[in-house]
Amino acid sequence: MDSSFALYLGRHTLETALLLAAPILIVCLVVGIVVTLFQAVTSMRDMTLTIIPKLLALGAVMLLFSSWMLQVTLRFTMEVFAYIQNIGGS
């Protein structure tokens, strides 16, 4: 394994992690901003008001995107294992 492949693998790992985390992070960010605006308009300062919508949104995103996330993870894992197999075979 040369240094260029190590850099490629590190970069590909970080890109895959960002790709998997992006839907969850974006939805939680949007929900957080909406709840904060609602709290500012109504002057409500209840901590459960911020947690419950984020958890519900997180659950919905996980239900919607779980199969896609699994496909991305499996594709990445198969690529890494194929490279390990190529190293072992040669």
Protein backbone atom coordinates (compact mmCIF):
# COMPACT_ATOMS: atom_id res chain seq x y z
CA MET A 1 0.00 0.00 0.00
CA ASP A 2 1.53 3.29 -1.04
CA SER A 3 0.92 6.70 0.46
CA SER A 4 -1.32 7.87 -2.37
CA PHE A 5 -3.79 5.06 -1.72
CA ALA A 6 -3.71 5.75 2.01
CA LEU A 7 -4.63 9.37 1.28
CA TYR A 8 -7.33 8.24 -1.14
CA LEU A 9 -8.77 5.83 1.40
CA GLY A 10 -8.75 8.47 4.14
CA ARG A 11 -10.43 11.00 1.90
CA HIS A 12 -13.00 8.48 0.65
CA THR A 13 -13.76 7.47 4.25
CA LEU A 14 -14.37 11.07 5.30
CA GLU A 15 -16.50 11.75 2.21
CA THR A 16 -18.61 8.67 2.90
CA ALA A 17 -19.06 9.64 6.56
CA LEU A 18 -20.13 13.16 5.54
CA LEU A 19 -22.48 11.76 2.92
CA LEU A 20 -24.11 9.48 5.49
CA ALA A 21 -24.39 12.17 8.16
CA ALA A 22 -25.58 14.99 5.87
CA PRO A 23 -29.33 14.18 5.77
CA ILE A 24 -29.51 13.86 9.56
CA LEU A 25 -27.48 16.99 10.22
CA ILE A 26 -29.38 19.11 7.71
CA VAL A 27 -32.79 18.08 9.02
CA CYS A 28 -31.76 18.64 12.65
CA LEU A 29 -30.35 22.05 11.72
CA VAL A 30 -33.55 23.09 9.96
CA VAL A 31 -35.77 21.81 12.76
CA GLY A 32 -33.58 23.55 15.34
CA ILE A 33 -33.83 26.87 13.52
CA VAL A 34 -37.61 26.57 13.13
CA VAL A 35 -38.09 25.70 16.81
CA THR A 36 -35.80 28.54 17.88
CA LEU A 37 -37.74 31.01 15.75
CA PHE A 38 -40.99 29.69 17.22
CA GLN A 39 -39.61 30.10 20.73
CA ALA A 40 -38.44 33.64 19.97
CA VAL A 41 -41.83 34.63 18.57
CA THR A 42 -43.86 33.11 21.39
CA SER A 43 -41.34 33.76 24.21
CA MET A 44 -41.50 30.10 25.26
CA ARG A 45 -38.34 28.75 26.91
CA ASP A 46 -39.19 25.10 27.43
CA MET A 47 -36.25 22.71 26.89
CA THR A 48 -38.48 19.80 25.88
CA LEU A 49 -39.79 21.92 23.03
CA THR A 50 -36.36 21.79 21.40
CA ILE A 51 -35.63 18.09 21.96
CA ILE A 52 -38.92 16.42 20.97
CA PRO A 53 -39.18 17.86 17.41
CA LYS A 54 -35.53 17.03 16.73
CA LEU A 55 -36.01 13.45 17.88
CA LEU A 56 -39.15 13.06 15.78
CA ALA A 57 -37.37 14.52 12.74
CA LEU A 58 -34.38 12.26 13.36
CA GLY A 59 -36.65 9.21 13.45
CA ALA A 60 -38.38 10.25 10.23
CA VAL A 61 -35.06 10.83 8.45
CA MET A 62 -33.73 7.48 9.62
CA LEU A 63 -36.86 5.73 8.34
CA LEU A 64 -36.69 7.49 4.98
CA PHE A 65 -32.95 7.26 4.34
CA SER A 66 -31.93 4.05 6.13
CA SER A 67 -31.94 1.86 3.01
CA TRP A 68 -29.87 4.42 1.07
CA MET A 69 -27.45 4.76 3.99
CA LEU A 70 -27.07 0.99 4.14
CA GLN A 71 -26.35 0.82 0.39
CA VAL A 72 -23.67 3.51 0.65
CA THR A 73 -22.08 1.79 3.64
CA LEU A 74 -22.11 -1.61 1.94
CA ARG A 75 -20.62 -0.19 -1.28
CA PHE A 76 -17.80 1.44 0.69
CA THR A 77 -17.17 -1.72 2.72
CA MET A 78 -17.10 -3.92 -0.38
CA GLU A 79 -14.60 -1.57 -2.01
CA VAL A 80 -12.30 -1.68 1.03
CA PHE A 81 -12.54 -5.46 1.33
CA ALA A 82 -11.86 -5.87 -2.39
CA TYR A 83 -8.69 -3.84 -2.00
CA ILE A 84 -7.65 -5.94 1.02
CA GLN A 85 -8.24 -9.07 -1.04
CA ASN A 86 -6.11 -7.67 -3.88
CA ILE A 87 -3.26 -6.96 -1.47
CA GLY A 88 -3.47 -10.47 -0.03
CA GLY A 89 -3.61 -12.10 -3.45
CA SER A 90 -0.57 -10.39 -4.88
